[in-house]
Protein backbone atom coordinates (compact mmCIF):
# COMPACT_ATOMS: atom_id res chain seq x y z
CA UNK A 1 61.68 41.23 65.42
CA UNK A 2 64.36 43.91 65.18
CA UNK A 3 64.25 45.82 61.87
CA UNK A 4 67.22 47.97 60.87
CA UNK A 5 66.47 51.03 58.72
CA UNK A 6 69.13 52.71 56.58
CA UNK A 7 68.46 55.42 54.04
CA UNK A 8 70.07 58.14 51.94
CA UNK A 9 73.40 56.33 51.68
CA UNK A 10 74.33 58.51 48.70
CA UNK A 11 77.33 56.51 47.52
CA UNK A 12 79.22 57.13 50.78
CA UNK A 13 81.08 53.88 51.29
CA UNK A 14 82.79 54.89 54.51
CA UNK A 15 79.53 55.90 56.22
CA UNK A 16 77.68 52.83 54.94
CA UNK A 17 80.38 50.44 56.11
CA UNK A 18 80.38 52.06 59.55
CA UNK A 19 76.59 51.76 59.89
CA UNK A 20 76.51 48.17 58.68
CA UNK A 21 79.24 47.21 61.15
CA UNK A 22 77.40 48.95 63.99
CA UNK A 23 74.12 47.24 63.11
CA UNK A 24 75.75 43.82 62.91
CA UNK A 25 77.41 44.28 66.29
CA UNK A 26 74.05 45.07 67.86
CA UNK A 27 72.13 42.38 66.01
CA UNK A 28 68.95 42.51 63.94
CA UNK A 29 66.47 40.25 62.17
CA UNK A 30 65.50 42.30 59.11
CA UNK A 31 66.96 45.17 57.13
CA UNK A 32 65.06 47.83 55.19
CA UNK A 33 66.91 50.18 52.84
CA UNK A 34 64.78 53.25 52.16
CA UNK A 35 66.42 54.48 48.98
CA UNK A 36 68.84 57.05 47.56
CA UNK A 37 71.73 54.65 47.28
CA UNK A 38 73.52 56.91 44.78
CA UNK A 39 74.12 60.61 44.20
CA UNK A 40 76.53 63.05 45.89
CA UNK A 41 79.16 60.47 46.90
CA UNK A 42 81.99 58.79 45.01
CA UNK A 43 81.25 55.06 45.45
CA UNK A 44 77.94 54.40 43.67
CA UNK A 45 78.97 51.09 42.10
CA UNK A 46 80.19 49.64 45.39
CA UNK A 47 77.09 50.78 47.29
CA UNK A 48 74.66 49.39 44.71
CA UNK A 49 76.46 46.03 44.66
CA UNK A 50 76.41 45.78 48.47
CA UNK A 51 72.72 46.71 48.61
CA UNK A 52 71.90 44.15 45.91
CA UNK A 53 73.64 41.45 47.96
CA UNK A 54 71.75 42.52 51.08
CA UNK A 55 68.47 42.19 49.17
CA UNK A 56 69.53 38.73 47.99
CA UNK A 57 70.02 37.88 51.68
CA UNK A 58 66.49 39.05 52.58
CA UNK A 59 66.63 42.84 52.92
CA UNK A 60 63.93 45.10 51.47
CA UNK A 61 65.02 48.04 49.30
CA UNK A 62 63.01 51.05 48.09
CA UNK A 63 63.53 53.45 45.19
CA UNK A 64 64.76 56.95 46.00
CA UNK A 65 64.60 60.06 43.85
CA UNK A 66 68.35 60.06 43.15
CA UNK A 67 68.13 56.40 42.15
CA UNK A 68 65.25 57.23 39.80
CA UNK A 69 67.23 60.09 38.28
CA UNK A 70 69.92 57.65 37.15
CA UNK A 71 67.55 56.14 34.58
CA UNK A 72 65.13 59.07 34.35
CA UNK A 73 65.19 62.86 34.45
CA UNK A 74 67.36 65.04 36.67
CA UNK A 75 65.79 68.34 35.57
CA UNK A 76 64.22 69.08 38.96
CA UNK A 77 67.55 68.75 40.79
CA UNK A 78 69.95 71.52 41.74
CA UNK A 79 73.22 71.86 39.84
CA UNK A 80 75.30 69.93 42.38
CA UNK A 81 72.89 67.00 42.45
CA UNK A 82 72.70 67.01 38.66
CA UNK A 83 76.47 66.92 38.37
CA UNK A 84 76.66 63.96 40.74
CA UNK A 85 73.89 62.03 38.95
CA UNK A 86 75.41 62.60 35.51
CA UNK A 87 78.77 61.43 36.83
CA UNK A 88 77.09 58.43 38.48
CA UNK A 89 75.47 57.31 35.23
CA UNK A 90 78.90 56.75 33.81
CA UNK A 91 79.99 54.66 36.81
CA UNK A 92 77.12 52.16 36.91
CA UNK A 93 76.86 49.28 34.48
CA UNK A 94 73.63 48.10 32.84
CA UNK A 95 72.92 45.48 35.50
CA UNK A 96 73.31 47.97 38.35
CA UNK A 97 71.05 50.49 36.63
CA UNK A 98 68.47 47.76 35.99
CA UNK A 99 68.58 46.82 39.68
CA UNK A 100 67.76 50.40 40.64
CA UNK A 101 64.99 50.59 38.05
CA UNK A 102 63.30 47.48 39.46
CA UNK A 103 63.01 48.88 43.00
CA UNK A 104 59.49 49.57 44.36
CA UNK A 105 58.28 52.99 45.48
CA UNK A 106 56.69 51.62 48.65
CA UNK A 107 56.30 48.38 50.58
CA UNK A 108 53.62 47.48 53.13
CA UNK A 109 54.54 44.97 55.83
CA UNK A 110 52.01 44.16 58.57
CA UNK A 111 51.10 47.51 60.20
CA UNK A 112 54.13 49.29 58.70
CA UNK A 113 54.63 51.31 55.51
CA UNK A 114 58.10 51.74 54.03
CA UNK A 115 58.69 54.55 51.53
CA UNK A 116 61.52 56.88 50.59
CA UNK A 117 59.71 60.22 50.57
CA UNK A 118 56.11 60.20 51.79
CA UNK A 119 52.95 58.14 52.03
CA UNK A 120 50.55 60.42 50.15
CA UNK A 121 52.28 60.27 46.76
CA UNK A 122 55.57 58.33 46.81
CA UNK A 123 56.30 59.04 43.15
CA UNK A 124 56.08 62.82 43.65
CA UNK A 125 59.09 62.88 45.99
CA UNK A 126 57.37 65.44 48.23
CA UNK A 127 59.28 66.11 51.46
CA UNK A 128 57.99 65.57 54.98
CA UNK A 129 59.48 68.71 56.51
CA UNK A 130 56.91 69.45 59.21
CA UNK A 131 53.69 68.37 60.94
CA UNK A 132 51.44 69.29 58.01
CA UNK A 133 53.23 67.00 55.57
CA UNK A 134 53.54 64.28 58.21
CA UNK A 135 49.81 64.39 58.88
CA UNK A 136 49.06 64.33 55.16
CA UNK A 137 51.22 61.25 54.82
CA UNK A 138 49.75 59.43 57.81
CA UNK A 139 46.17 60.12 56.75
CA UNK A 140 46.80 58.55 53.33
CA UNK A 141 47.54 55.14 54.79
CA UNK A 142 45.99 52.83 57.34
CA UNK A 143 49.45 51.72 58.44
CA UNK A 144 50.10 52.34 62.10
CA UNK A 145 53.72 53.34 61.46
CA UNK A 146 55.41 54.84 58.39
CA UNK A 147 59.18 54.81 57.92
CA UNK A 148 60.80 57.14 55.38
CA UNK A 149 63.93 59.12 54.56
CA UNK A 150 64.50 61.84 51.96
CA UNK A 151 65.01 64.88 54.22
CA UNK A 152 68.28 63.65 55.80
CA UNK A 153 67.03 64.93 59.17
CA UNK A 154 65.92 62.46 61.88
CA UNK A 155 62.53 63.28 63.39
CA UNK A 156 59.47 61.39 64.60
CA UNK A 157 55.87 62.54 64.17
CA UNK A 158 52.90 61.18 66.11
CA UNK A 159 49.19 61.77 65.66
CA UNK A 160 46.18 60.92 67.84
CA UNK A 161 42.66 60.56 66.37
CA UNK A 162 41.51 63.90 67.79
CA UNK A 163 44.76 65.86 67.52
CA UNK A 164 47.02 67.02 64.69
CA UNK A 165 50.48 65.61 64.07
CA UNK A 166 53.29 66.76 66.36
CA UNK A 167 57.07 66.38 65.98
CA UNK A 168 59.60 64.84 68.29
CA UNK A 169 63.39 64.93 67.79
CA UNK A 170 64.82 61.56 68.83
CA UNK A 171 67.87 61.37 71.07
CA UNK A 172 70.45 58.82 69.92
CA UNK A 173 70.38 55.53 71.86
CA UNK A 174 67.19 56.47 73.72
CA UNK A 175 64.19 54.23 72.87
CA UNK A 176 60.98 55.92 71.72
CA UNK A 177 57.84 53.80 72.24
CA UNK A 178 55.24 53.83 69.47
CA UNK A 179 52.03 53.87 71.52
CA UNK A 180 49.24 51.88 69.90
CA UNK A 181 46.77 54.73 70.48
CA UNK A 182 48.58 56.89 67.91
CA UNK A 183 49.86 56.81 64.34
CA UNK A 184 53.57 57.33 63.79
CA UNK A 185 55.90 58.54 61.08
CA UNK A 186 59.63 58.10 61.58
CA UNK A 187 61.98 60.01 59.29
CA UNK A 188 65.24 58.10 59.43
CA UNK A 189 68.31 60.32 59.23
CA UNK A 190 70.86 59.92 56.45
CA UNK A 191 73.70 57.44 56.37
CA UNK A 192 75.76 59.24 53.77
CA UNK A 193 74.93 62.94 54.05
CA UNK A 194 73.41 64.03 57.40
CA UNK A 195 71.82 67.47 57.42
CA UNK A 196 70.95 68.04 61.06
CA UNK A 197 74.24 69.60 62.06
CA UNK A 198 75.88 66.32 63.07
CA UNK A 199 78.51 64.74 60.84
CA UNK A 200 78.02 61.22 62.23
CA UNK A 201 76.07 58.81 60.05
CA UNK A 202 72.54 57.91 61.15
CA UNK A 203 70.49 54.71 61.16
CA UNK A 204 67.68 53.32 63.31
CA UNK A 205 66.28 50.04 64.58
CA UNK A 206 62.63 49.28 65.33
CA UNK A 207 61.53 46.40 67.56
CA UNK A 208 58.14 45.06 66.49
CA UNK A 209 57.63 43.31 69.83
CA UNK A 210 58.28 46.27 72.12
CA UNK A 211 57.19 48.80 69.44
CA UNK A 212 60.21 50.95 70.24
CA UNK A 213 62.55 52.71 67.83
CA UNK A 214 66.14 53.63 68.64
CA UNK A 215 68.23 55.99 66.53
CA UNK A 216 71.99 55.52 66.26
CA UNK A 217 74.77 57.96 65.30
CA UNK A 218 78.00 56.46 64.02
CA UNK A 219 81.27 58.31 63.42
CA UNK A 220 83.04 57.40 60.18
CA UNK A 221 86.08 58.45 58.14
CA UNK A 222 84.77 61.72 56.74
CA UNK A 223 88.21 62.65 55.43
CA UNK A 224 88.32 59.57 53.21
CA UNK A 225 84.81 60.09 51.85
CA UNK A 226 85.46 63.79 51.18
CA UNK A 227 88.79 63.13 49.48
CA UNK A 228 87.15 60.65 47.11
CA UNK A 229 84.53 63.24 46.16
CA UNK A 230 87.20 65.82 45.36
CA UNK A 231 89.36 63.33 43.47
CA UNK A 232 86.38 62.29 41.36
CA UNK A 233 85.94 65.87 40.18
CA UNK A 234 82.54 66.23 41.83
CA UNK A 235 81.51 69.62 43.28
CA UNK A 236 83.76 70.37 46.25
CA UNK A 237 80.78 71.56 48.27
CA UNK A 238 79.58 67.94 48.38
CA UNK A 239 82.76 67.08 50.25
CA UNK A 240 82.72 70.11 52.52
CA UNK A 241 79.16 69.59 53.71
CA UNK A 242 80.04 66.16 55.13
CA UNK A 243 82.10 67.85 57.83
CA UNK A 244 79.26 70.20 58.79
CA UNK A 245 76.42 67.71 58.62
CA UNK A 246 74.48 70.20 56.49
């Protein structure tokens, strides 16, 4: 079974459309959406509606911290994120907000754990930014493989029983085998706001039969997405960072 993972869409319609088209061309059996559908970008209503339809068609969707801020508190966010969330609240209707509110924090499927932020405390929104956090996450679950987002930077961590976690930066289009002798944590890069120095949108596909993951980078119309952000009156830095992938 080929499982497509998309995360941190952040209301970027152009990036999301490009990734969905790329995934459909390549074919898949299941789709998992790892959260943060809104925030930063200018198309929250469209993105939420598309994700809701994907879930109706069998996809799994998780709650992200920006999604939770729509119906909860944004006090722990920086000023740009706060501005985007407060703007987003006025763009979503009651049904769309209720859809976000009903999303789970984590989902377990066979030997896999799906979560937006981490496996040790999904509701805390703690970041997996290095081997220590990756190991903490992997040791809190008996899942063989964890798939998450949140950092916007694609990286894979692996851990053997007698060794600490170690990172590996995946190369686009090059399969990475998940050896059964190790535990794995795959941080899927962001669709809508990459932060690894590449502007192209990121998604990944995992094959449960071969136990291989492949990361994809997809160019999209950054100009259109950035113009929408500016026209919406959102912080201009949210548009500018799309070009830098930072």
